[in-house]
Amino acid sequence: MIELALQSLKLKMPQPTDTAIMVIGGAEDKVHGRDILRSFFLRAGGEDARIAIFPCASREPVVIGERYHTIFTEMGAKAIEVLNICDRAQCDDPIVQEYVSTCTGIFMTGGDQLRLCALLSDTPVMEIVRSRAQSGSVTLAGTSAGAAVMGYHMIAGGGSGESPNSSLVDMTLGLGIIPEVIVDQHFHNRNRMARLMSAVSAHPDRLGIGIDEDTCALFEGDGTLKVLGKGTVTVVDPGEVTYTNRAEVGATDPLCICNLRVHILSQGCYYDLNKRSSGSSP
């Protein structure tokens, strides 16, 4: 019985070839079970993993880079490089480009998403990262600010605790790794539902993805989003909206959005991005 249980557990664990894009809501467990970080490590190749850490969203990139370096070293990664990009010119470095082209896992830390985009957008390094992540040739993870940049449209800031309104959210361009989504992080922890709804009302051709702390929206190559972690992932789908008053009211006036679909998913649930339907994994 014990042997069968262990075999079943092994089958459920991510395998080194199971690449994914891991969008983490921030404040992931770095001390105890480290389930999300361990899943990234395994999907990046396990003991054969060659990991690139981008800490450049942080105000303390050296400190935060070293923290993740220590975590993945303790897990047993084969090679780890902290790529502390503090000037866009560094993205032209052939050595940096070579490592990003051959590594098996890329991890973008938290901090300021505007800073991260300012340093990486429209650079050779980011073109490599985006291409490899979209083709499934590398596992890419981003937490907090590193999650916010995933979409083509990005939430740069805004408020919380109000009714949805146009002034509640500040939008700009992200890194376009998963172009069809708008990501918000620290989601229910910071009461950001109205903020995400406001963002989606401005871009009704996108899906809103709100991710709680210590929770990961895991995008796999088959178009499936799966949930990993202690909280929930909220999917805000405007695809069947029948009416919104956005064009008719002022920036601070409450928004009306009719027939907006909302899915709240916990670990073991999935969302099919192609069919726009949700369910529970067997």
C-alpha atoms as a PDB file:
ATOM      1  CA  MET A   1       0.000   0.000   0.000  1.00  0.00           C
ATOM      2  CA  ILE A   2       2.792   2.420   0.918  1.00  0.00           C
ATOM      3  CA  GLU A   3       4.596   1.678  -2.372  1.00  0.00           C
ATOM      4  CA  LEU A   4       1.422   2.325  -4.383  1.00  0.00           C
ATOM      5  CA  ALA A   5       0.845   5.602  -2.534  1.00  0.00           C
ATOM      6  CA  LEU A   6       4.383   6.723  -3.263  1.00  0.00           C
ATOM      7  CA  GLN A   7       3.983   5.825  -6.943  1.00  0.00           C
ATOM      8  CA  SER A   8       0.743   7.831  -7.095  1.00  0.00           C
ATOM      9  CA  LEU A   9       2.426  10.823  -5.430  1.00  0.00           C
ATOM     10  CA  LYS A  10       5.319  10.621  -7.881  1.00  0.00           C
ATOM     11  CA  LEU A  11       2.915  10.658 -10.837  1.00  0.00           C
ATOM     12  CA  LYS A  12       1.301  13.885  -9.558  1.00  0.00           C
ATOM     13  CA  MET A  13       4.587  15.713  -9.039  1.00  0.00           C
ATOM     14  CA  PRO A  14       5.749  18.034 -11.824  1.00  0.00           C
ATOM     15  CA  GLN A  15       8.291  16.393 -14.088  1.00  0.00           C
ATOM     16  CA  PRO A  16      11.386  18.200 -15.460  1.00  0.00           C
ATOM     17  CA  THR A  17       9.804  18.374 -18.926  1.00  0.00           C
ATOM     18  CA  ASP A  18       6.572  19.983 -17.632  1.00  0.00           C
ATOM     19  CA  THR A  19       7.389  23.598 -18.423  1.00  0.00           C
ATOM     20  CA  ALA A  20       4.857  26.288 -17.574  1.00  0.00           C
ATOM     21  CA  ILE A  21       4.393  29.976 -16.955  1.00  0.00           C
ATOM     22  CA  MET A  22       3.869  30.426 -13.216  1.00  0.00           C
ATOM     23  CA  VAL A  23       2.134  33.661 -12.186  1.00  0.00           C
ATOM     24  CA  ILE A  24       2.411  34.057  -8.400  1.00  0.00           C
ATOM     25  CA  GLY A  25       0.352  36.475  -6.321  1.00  0.00           C
ATOM     26  CA  GLY A  26       3.257  37.422  -4.050  1.00  0.00           C
ATOM     27  CA  ALA A  27       4.298  36.487  -0.509  1.00  0.00           C
ATOM     28  CA  GLU A  28       4.831  32.850  -1.518  1.00  0.00           C
ATOM     29  CA  ASP A  29       6.064  30.565   1.257  1.00  0.00           C
ATOM     30  CA  LYS A  30       9.875  30.796   1.307  1.00  0.00           C
ATOM     31  CA  VAL A  31      10.464  29.036   4.635  1.00  0.00           C
ATOM     32  CA  HIS A  32       8.316  25.976   5.318  1.00  0.00           C
ATOM     33  CA  GLY A  33       6.842  23.782   2.579  1.00  0.00           C
ATOM     34  CA  ARG A  34       7.879  26.170  -0.224  1.00  0.00           C
ATOM     35  CA  ASP A  35       5.345  24.343  -2.415  1.00  0.00           C
ATOM     36  CA  ILE A  36       5.152  26.954  -5.177  1.00  0.00           C
ATOM     37  CA  LEU A  37       8.895  27.563  -5.311  1.00  0.00           C
ATOM     38  CA  ARG A  38       9.530  23.813  -5.279  1.00  0.00           C
ATOM     39  CA  SER A  39       7.101  23.356  -8.161  1.00  0.00           C
ATOM     40  CA  PHE A  40       9.052  25.986 -10.111  1.00  0.00           C
ATOM     41  CA  PHE A  41      12.310  24.210  -9.275  1.00  0.00           C
ATOM     42  CA  LEU A  42      10.952  20.848 -10.466  1.00  0.00           C
ATOM     43  CA  ARG A  43       9.454  22.281 -13.650  1.00  0.00           C
ATOM     44  CA  ALA A  44      12.787  23.984 -14.340  1.00  0.00           C
ATOM     45  CA  GLY A  45      14.539  20.609 -14.300  1.00  0.00           C
ATOM     46  CA  GLY A  46      14.988  19.716 -10.638  1.00  0.00           C
ATOM     47  CA  GLU A  47      18.599  18.937  -9.825  1.00  0.00           C
ATOM     48  CA  ASP A  48      19.499  19.648 -13.457  1.00  0.00           C
ATOM     49  CA  ALA A  49      17.924  23.108 -13.300  1.00  0.00           C
ATOM     50  CA  ARG A  50      19.879  26.109 -14.573  1.00  0.00           C
ATOM     51  CA  ILE A  51      18.029  29.103 -13.160  1.00  0.00           C
ATOM     52  CA  ALA A  52      18.177  32.815 -14.020  1.00  0.00           C
ATOM     53  CA  ILE A  53      16.894  35.160 -11.310  1.00  0.00           C
ATOM     54  CA  PHE A  54      15.802  38.685 -12.257  1.00  0.00           C
ATOM     55  CA  PRO A  55      15.597  40.755  -9.047  1.00  0.00           C
ATOM     56  CA  CYS A  56      15.546  44.111 -10.830  1.00  0.00           C
ATOM     57  CA  ALA A  57      11.979  45.043  -9.825  1.00  0.00           C
ATOM     58  CA  SER A  58      13.183  45.290  -6.216  1.00  0.00           C
ATOM     59  CA  ARG A  59      14.654  48.346  -4.498  1.00  0.00           C
ATOM     60  CA  GLU A  60      17.113  45.917  -2.910  1.00  0.00           C
ATOM     61  CA  PRO A  61      17.973  43.633  -5.844  1.00  0.00           C
ATOM     62  CA  VAL A  62      21.156  42.271  -4.285  1.00  0.00           C
ATOM     63  CA  VAL A  63      19.356  41.216  -1.086  1.00  0.00           C
ATOM     64  CA  ILE A  64      16.324  39.730  -2.826  1.00  0.00           C
ATOM     65  CA  GLY A  65      18.460  38.033  -5.478  1.00  0.00           C
ATOM     66  CA  GLU A  66      20.588  36.378  -2.829  1.00  0.00           C
ATOM     67  CA  ARG A  67      17.493  35.208  -0.970  1.00  0.00           C
ATOM     68  CA  TYR A  68      16.135  33.296  -3.955  1.00  0.00           C
ATOM     69  CA  HIS A  69      19.639  32.111  -4.846  1.00  0.00           C
ATOM     70  CA  THR A  70      19.881  30.518  -1.397  1.00  0.00           C
ATOM     71  CA  ILE A  71      16.439  28.899  -1.705  1.00  0.00           C
ATOM     72  CA  PHE A  72      17.129  27.266  -5.071  1.00  0.00           C
ATOM     73  CA  THR A  73      20.650  26.276  -3.984  1.00  0.00           C
ATOM     74  CA  GLU A  74      19.183  24.463  -0.972  1.00  0.00           C
ATOM     75  CA  MET A  75      16.781  22.669  -3.296  1.00  0.00           C
ATOM     76  CA  GLY A  76      19.748  21.446  -5.340  1.00  0.00           C
ATOM     77  CA  ALA A  77      19.707  23.438  -8.591  1.00  0.00           C
ATOM     78  CA  LYS A  78      22.687  22.712 -10.842  1.00  0.00           C
ATOM     79  CA  ALA A  79      23.440  26.354 -11.691  1.00  0.00           C
ATOM     80  CA  ILE A  80      21.960  29.703 -10.638  1.00  0.00           C
ATOM     81  CA  GLU A  81      22.746  33.192 -11.914  1.00  0.00           C
ATOM     82  CA  VAL A  82      21.334  36.382 -10.424  1.00  0.00           C
ATOM     83  CA  LEU A  83      20.965  38.760 -13.375  1.00  0.00           C
ATOM     84  CA  ASN A  84      20.798  42.115 -11.624  1.00  0.00           C
ATOM     85  CA  ILE A  85      19.875  44.339 -14.571  1.00  0.00           C
ATOM     86  CA  CYS A  86      20.154  47.955 -13.429  1.00  0.00           C
ATOM     87  CA  ASP A  87      20.714  49.486 -16.871  1.00  0.00           C
ATOM     88  CA  ARG A  88      19.015  48.580 -20.155  1.00  0.00           C
ATOM     89  CA  ALA A  89      22.414  48.418 -21.843  1.00  0.00           C
ATOM     90  CA  GLN A  90      23.157  45.256 -19.845  1.00  0.00           C
ATOM     91  CA  CYS A  91      20.504  43.485 -21.930  1.00  0.00           C
ATOM     92  CA  ASP A  92      22.822  43.833 -24.927  1.00  0.00           C
ATOM     93  CA  ASP A  93      25.492  41.746 -23.192  1.00  0.00           C
ATOM     94  CA  PRO A  94      26.028  38.499 -25.196  1.00  0.00           C
ATOM     95  CA  ILE A  95      26.895  36.602 -22.002  1.00  0.00           C
ATOM     96  CA  VAL A  96      23.572  37.540 -20.392  1.00  0.00           C
ATOM     97  CA  GLN A  97      21.709  36.671 -23.579  1.00  0.00           C
ATOM     98  CA  GLU A  98      23.482  33.326 -23.826  1.00  0.00           C
ATOM     99  CA  TYR A  99      22.545  32.328 -20.278  1.00  0.00           C
ATOM    100  CA  VAL A 100      18.910  33.364 -20.751  1.00  0.00           C
ATOM    101  CA  SER A 101      18.864  31.401 -24.016  1.00  0.00           C
ATOM    102  CA  THR A 102      20.097  28.171 -22.406  1.00  0.00           C
ATOM    103  CA  CYS A 103      18.770  28.223 -18.831  1.00  0.00           C
ATOM    104  CA  THR A 104      15.847  25.971 -17.874  1.00  0.00           C
ATOM    105  CA  GLY A 105      14.089  28.302 -15.439  1.00  0.00           C
ATOM    106  CA  ILE A 106      13.614  32.075 -15.175  1.00  0.00           C
ATOM    107  CA  PHE A 107      12.339  33.731 -11.995  1.00  0.00           C
ATOM    108  CA  MET A 108      11.247  37.395 -11.793  1.00  0.00           C
ATOM    109  CA  THR A 109      10.963  38.715  -8.245  1.00  0.00           C
ATOM    110  CA  GLY A 110       8.628  41.259  -6.693  1.00  0.00           C
ATOM    111  CA  GLY A 111       9.093  44.985  -6.324  1.00  0.00           C
ATOM    112  CA  ASP A 112       7.899  47.689  -8.709  1.00  0.00           C
ATOM    113  CA  GLN A 113       6.395  46.505 -12.003  1.00  0.00           C
ATOM    114  CA  LEU A 114       7.038  49.874 -13.640  1.00  0.00           C
ATOM    115  CA  ARG A 115      10.735  49.569 -12.826  1.00  0.00           C
ATOM    116  CA  LEU A 116      10.813  46.011 -14.174  1.00  0.00           C
ATOM    117  CA  CYS A 117       9.208  47.049 -17.465  1.00  0.00           C
ATOM    118  CA  ALA A 118      11.420  50.126 -17.795  1.00  0.00           C
ATOM    119  CA  LEU A 119      14.526  47.941 -17.574  1.00  0.00           C
ATOM    120  CA  LEU A 120      13.433  44.926 -19.636  1.00  0.00           C
ATOM    121  CA  SER A 121      10.745  45.862 -22.164  1.00  0.00           C
ATOM    122  CA  ASP A 122      11.797  45.930 -25.829  1.00  0.00           C
ATOM    123  CA  THR A 123      15.268  44.547 -25.047  1.00  0.00           C
ATOM    124  CA  PRO A 124      17.000  41.525 -26.623  1.00  0.00           C
ATOM    125  CA  VAL A 125      16.883  39.701 -23.297  1.00  0.00           C
ATOM    126  CA  MET A 126      13.138  40.139 -22.918  1.00  0.00           C
ATOM    127  CA  GLU A 127      12.583  39.013 -26.508  1.00  0.00           C
ATOM    128  CA  ILE A 128      14.403  35.789 -25.626  1.00  0.00           C
ATOM    129  CA  VAL A 129      12.443  35.348 -22.385  1.00  0.00           C
ATOM    130  CA  ARG A 130       9.084  35.947 -24.081  1.00  0.00           C
ATOM    131  CA  SER A 131       9.825  33.686 -27.041  1.00  0.00           C
ATOM    132  CA  ARG A 132      11.078  30.807 -24.900  1.00  0.00           C
ATOM    133  CA  ALA A 133       8.206  31.076 -22.395  1.00  0.00           C
ATOM    134  CA  GLN A 134       5.573  31.126 -25.138  1.00  0.00           C
ATOM    135  CA  SER A 135       7.148  28.180 -26.955  1.00  0.00           C
ATOM    136  CA  GLY A 136       7.385  26.118 -23.763  1.00  0.00           C
ATOM    137  CA  SER A 137      11.172  25.779 -23.873  1.00  0.00           C
ATOM    138  CA  VAL A 138      11.661  27.268 -20.398  1.00  0.00           C
ATOM    139  CA  THR A 139       9.709  27.527 -17.157  1.00  0.00           C
ATOM    140  CA  LEU A 140       9.062  31.171 -16.332  1.00  0.00           C
ATOM    141  CA  ALA A 141       7.826  32.387 -12.949  1.00  0.00           C
ATOM    142  CA  GLY A 142       7.005  35.882 -11.747  1.00  0.00           C
ATOM    143  CA  THR A 143       5.849  36.862  -8.274  1.00  0.00           C
ATOM    144  CA  SER A 144       4.041  40.061  -7.248  1.00  0.00           C
ATOM    145  CA  ALA A 145       5.493  42.717  -9.611  1.00  0.00           C
ATOM    146  CA  GLY A 146       6.934  39.855 -11.654  1.00  0.00           C
ATOM    147  CA  ALA A 147       3.347  38.599 -12.046  1.00  0.00           C
ATOM    148  CA  ALA A 148       1.811  41.987 -12.844  1.00  0.00           C
ATOM    149  CA  VAL A 149       3.973  42.401 -15.983  1.00  0.00           C
ATOM    150  CA  MET A 150       2.764  39.194 -17.683  1.00  0.00           C
ATOM    151  CA  GLY A 151      -0.016  40.706 -19.797  1.00  0.00           C
ATOM    152  CA  TYR A 152       0.122  43.078 -22.737  1.00  0.00           C
ATOM    153  CA  HIS A 153      -1.935  45.525 -20.648  1.00  0.00           C
ATOM    154  CA  MET A 154      -0.637  45.978 -17.093  1.00  0.00           C
ATOM    155  CA  ILE A 155      -2.045  47.382 -13.883  1.00  0.00           C
ATOM    156  CA  ALA A 156       0.516  49.967 -12.783  1.00  0.00           C
ATOM    157  CA  GLY A 157      -1.313  51.001  -9.626  1.00  0.00           C
ATOM    158  CA  GLY A 158      -4.606  52.207  -8.241  1.00  0.00           C
ATOM    159  CA  GLY A 159      -6.900  52.063  -5.254  1.00  0.00           C
ATOM    160  CA  SER A 160      -9.065  49.518  -3.451  1.00  0.00           C
ATOM    161  CA  GLY A 161     -12.160  49.319  -1.317  1.00  0.00           C
ATOM    162  CA  GLU A 162     -14.399  51.284  -3.699  1.00  0.00           C
ATOM    163  CA  SER A 163     -17.035  50.445  -6.261  1.00  0.00           C
ATOM    164  CA  PRO A 164     -15.556  49.814  -9.727  1.00  0.00           C
ATOM    165  CA  ASN A 165     -14.809  53.108 -11.486  1.00  0.00           C
ATOM    166  CA  SER A 166     -12.448  54.248 -14.227  1.00  0.00           C
ATOM    167  CA  SER A 167     -10.172  56.213 -11.886  1.00  0.00           C
ATOM    168  CA  LEU A 168      -9.638  53.231  -9.590  1.00  0.00           C
ATOM    169  CA  VAL A 169      -6.925  51.701 -11.787  1.00  0.00           C
ATOM    170  CA  ASP A 170      -3.860  53.028 -13.609  1.00  0.00           C
ATOM    171  CA  MET A 171      -3.018  51.073 -16.751  1.00  0.00           C
ATOM    172  CA  THR A 172       0.089  50.866 -18.911  1.00  0.00           C
ATOM    173  CA  LEU A 173       1.821  48.305 -21.124  1.00  0.00           C
ATOM    174  CA  GLY A 174       3.324  45.136 -19.651  1.00  0.00           C
ATOM    175  CA  LEU A 175       5.781  42.650 -21.123  1.00  0.00           C
ATOM    176  CA  GLY A 176       3.200  40.753 -23.189  1.00  0.00           C
ATOM    177  CA  ILE A 177       4.245  37.247 -22.147  1.00  0.00           C
ATOM    178  CA  ILE A 178       0.593  36.175 -21.788  1.00  0.00           C
ATOM    179  CA  PRO A 179      -0.981  38.933 -23.897  1.00  0.00           C
ATOM    180  CA  GLU A 180      -4.624  37.955 -23.383  1.00  0.00           C
ATOM    181  CA  VAL A 181      -4.665  38.502 -19.584  1.00  0.00           C
ATOM    182  CA  ILE A 182      -4.576  41.397 -17.142  1.00  0.00           C
ATOM    183  CA  VAL A 183      -3.015  40.286 -13.858  1.00  0.00           C
ATOM    184  CA  ASP A 184      -3.575  41.678 -10.380  1.00  0.00           C
ATOM    185  CA  GLN A 185      -1.718  40.257  -7.375  1.00  0.00           C
ATOM    186  CA  HIS A 186      -2.031  40.257  -3.548  1.00  0.00           C
ATOM    187  CA  PHE A 187      -5.645  40.048  -4.693  1.00  0.00           C
ATOM    188  CA  HIS A 188      -8.149  39.333  -1.937  1.00  0.00           C
ATOM    189  CA  ASN A 189      -5.466  40.195   0.616  1.00  0.00           C
ATOM    190  CA  ARG A 190      -5.610  43.847  -0.548  1.00  0.00           C
ATOM    191  CA  ASN A 191      -9.260  43.962  -1.642  1.00  0.00           C
ATOM    192  CA  ARG A 192      -8.528  44.442  -5.346  1.00  0.00           C
ATOM    193  CA  MET A 193     -11.630  42.919  -6.955  1.00  0.00           C
ATOM    194  CA  ALA A 194     -13.094  46.317  -7.949  1.00  0.00           C
ATOM    195  CA  ARG A 195      -9.710  47.366  -9.347  1.00  0.00           C
ATOM    196  CA  LEU A 196      -9.497  44.342 -11.621  1.00  0.00           C
ATOM    197  CA  MET A 197     -13.110  44.761 -12.749  1.00  0.00           C
ATOM    198  CA  SER A 198     -12.350  48.381 -13.604  1.00  0.00           C
ATOM    199  CA  ALA A 199      -9.317  47.293 -15.645  1.00  0.00           C
ATOM    200  CA  VAL A 200     -11.299  44.650 -17.526  1.00  0.00           C
ATOM    201  CA  SER A 201     -14.082  47.127 -18.301  1.00  0.00           C
ATOM    202  CA  ALA A 202     -11.503  49.212 -20.178  1.00  0.00           C
ATOM    203  CA  HIS A 203     -10.157  46.172 -22.049  1.00  0.00           C
ATOM    204  CA  PRO A 204     -13.109  43.822 -22.626  1.00  0.00           C
ATOM    205  CA  ASP A 205     -11.078  41.648 -25.006  1.00  0.00           C
ATOM    206  CA  ARG A 206      -8.855  40.486 -22.116  1.00  0.00           C
ATOM    207  CA  LEU A 207      -9.329  38.151 -19.154  1.00  0.00           C
ATOM    208  CA  GLY A 208      -8.760  39.488 -15.660  1.00  0.00           C
ATOM    209  CA  ILE A 209      -6.677  37.206 -13.429  1.00  0.00           C
ATOM    210  CA  GLY A 210      -6.555  38.074  -9.716  1.00  0.00           C
ATOM    211  CA  ILE A 211      -4.122  35.987  -7.668  1.00  0.00           C
ATOM    212  CA  ASP A 212      -4.022  35.782  -3.867  1.00  0.00           C
ATOM    213  CA  GLU A 213      -0.808  35.698  -1.863  1.00  0.00           C
ATOM    214  CA  ASP A 214       0.995  32.336  -1.630  1.00  0.00           C
ATOM    215  CA  THR A 215      -1.024  31.250  -4.670  1.00  0.00           C
ATOM    216  CA  CYS A 216      -0.001  30.550  -8.261  1.00  0.00           C
ATOM    217  CA  ALA A 217      -1.909  30.638 -11.535  1.00  0.00           C
ATOM    218  CA  LEU A 218      -0.062  28.020 -13.537  1.00  0.00           C
ATOM    219  CA  PHE A 219      -0.420  28.420 -17.318  1.00  0.00           C
ATOM    220  CA  GLU A 220       0.371  25.241 -19.224  1.00  0.00           C
ATOM    221  CA  GLY A 221       0.985  24.817 -22.932  1.00  0.00           C
ATOM    222  CA  ASP A 222      -2.425  23.262 -23.615  1.00  0.00           C
ATOM    223  CA  GLY A 223      -4.248  26.489 -22.755  1.00  0.00           C
ATOM    224  CA  THR A 224      -5.142  25.418 -19.233  1.00  0.00           C
ATOM    225  CA  LEU A 225      -4.757  27.534 -16.104  1.00  0.00           C
ATOM    226  CA  LYS A 226      -4.345  25.501 -12.923  1.00  0.00           C
ATOM    227  CA  VAL A 227      -4.240  26.706  -9.326  1.00  0.00           C
ATOM    228  CA  LEU A 228      -1.478  25.947  -6.847  1.00  0.00           C
ATOM    229  CA  GLY A 229      -1.207  27.269  -3.310  1.00  0.00           C
ATOM    230  CA  LYS A 230      -3.193  28.317  -0.264  1.00  0.00           C
ATOM    231  CA  GLY A 231      -5.492  30.988  -1.703  1.00  0.00           C
ATOM    232  CA  THR A 232      -7.605  31.480  -4.795  1.00  0.00           C
ATOM    233  CA  VAL A 233      -7.296  32.665  -8.377  1.00  0.00           C
ATOM    234  CA  THR A 234     -10.163  34.861  -9.573  1.00  0.00           C
ATOM    235  CA  VAL A 235     -10.947  34.905 -13.290  1.00  0.00           C
ATOM    236  CA  VAL A 236     -12.961  37.916 -14.486  1.00  0.00           C
ATOM    237  CA  ASP A 237     -14.370  37.173 -17.942  1.00  0.00           C
ATOM    238  CA  PRO A 238     -16.018  40.052 -19.855  1.00  0.00           C
ATOM    239  CA  GLY A 239     -16.661  37.946 -22.957  1.00  0.00           C
ATOM    240  CA  GLU A 240     -20.451  37.921 -22.495  1.00  0.00           C
ATOM    241  CA  VAL A 241     -20.940  41.448 -21.115  1.00  0.00           C
ATOM    242  CA  THR A 242     -24.160  42.876 -22.525  1.00  0.00           C
ATOM    243  CA  TYR A 243     -23.820  46.476 -21.335  1.00  0.00           C
ATOM    244  CA  THR A 244     -21.455  48.856 -19.552  1.00  0.00           C
ATOM    245  CA  ASN A 245     -21.890  52.539 -18.868  1.00  0.00           C
ATOM    246  CA  ARG A 246     -18.152  53.203 -18.967  1.00  0.00           C
ATOM    247  CA  ALA A 247     -18.341  55.543 -21.976  1.00  0.00           C
ATOM    248  CA  GLU A 248     -21.249  57.474 -20.469  1.00  0.00           C
ATOM    249  CA  VAL A 249     -20.059  58.349 -16.955  1.00  0.00           C
ATOM    250  CA  GLY A 250     -17.234  60.346 -15.385  1.00  0.00           C
ATOM    251  CA  ALA A 251     -13.938  58.852 -14.256  1.00  0.00           C
ATOM    252  CA  THR A 252     -14.962  58.651 -10.589  1.00  0.00           C
ATOM    253  CA  ASP A 253     -18.581  57.569 -11.159  1.00  0.00           C
ATOM    254  CA  PRO A 254     -19.538  53.949 -10.401  1.00  0.00           C
ATOM    255  CA  LEU A 255     -19.414  51.557 -13.323  1.00  0.00           C
ATOM    256  CA  CYS A 256     -22.271  49.350 -14.442  1.00  0.00           C
ATOM    257  CA  ILE A 257     -21.099  46.067 -16.023  1.00  0.00           C
ATOM    258  CA  CYS A 258     -23.871  43.626 -16.917  1.00  0.00           C
ATOM    259  CA  ASN A 259     -23.399  39.855 -17.373  1.00  0.00           C
ATOM    260  CA  LEU A 260     -19.774  39.872 -16.224  1.00  0.00           C
ATOM    261  CA  ARG A 261     -18.671  36.315 -15.417  1.00  0.00           C
ATOM    262  CA  VAL A 262     -16.508  35.607 -12.356  1.00  0.00           C
ATOM    263  CA  HIS A 263     -14.820  32.294 -11.473  1.00  0.00           C
ATOM    264  CA  ILE A 264     -13.111  31.806  -8.100  1.00  0.00           C
ATOM    265  CA  LEU A 265     -10.753  28.838  -8.214  1.00  0.00           C
ATOM    266  CA  SER A 266      -8.750  27.092  -5.495  1.00  0.00           C
ATOM    267  CA  GLN A 267      -6.085  24.418  -5.647  1.00  0.00           C
ATOM    268  CA  GLY A 268      -7.281  21.463  -7.703  1.00  0.00           C
ATOM    269  CA  CYS A 269      -9.386  23.664  -9.987  1.00  0.00           C
ATOM    270  CA  TYR A 270      -8.635  24.653 -13.564  1.00  0.00           C
ATOM    271  CA  TYR A 271      -9.764  27.162 -16.196  1.00  0.00           C
ATOM    272  CA  ASP A 272      -9.733  26.429 -19.918  1.00  0.00           C
ATOM    273  CA  LEU A 273      -8.565  29.631 -21.610  1.00  0.00           C
ATOM    274  CA  ASN A 274      -9.782  28.487 -25.024  1.00  0.00           C
ATOM    275  CA  LYS A 275     -13.273  27.340 -23.996  1.00  0.00           C
ATOM    276  CA  ARG A 276     -13.533  29.937 -21.192  1.00  0.00           C
ATOM    277  CA  SER A 277     -14.858  27.307 -18.809  1.00  0.00           C
ATOM    278  CA  SER A 278     -13.774  26.124 -15.375  1.00  0.00           C
ATOM    279  CA  GLY A 279     -13.849  22.867 -13.470  1.00  0.00           C
ATOM    280  CA  SER A 280     -12.162  20.659 -10.899  1.00  0.00           C
ATOM    281  CA  SER A 281      -9.274  18.364 -11.769  1.00  0.00           C
ATOM    282  CA  PRO A 282      -9.918  14.635 -11.200  1.00  0.00           C
END
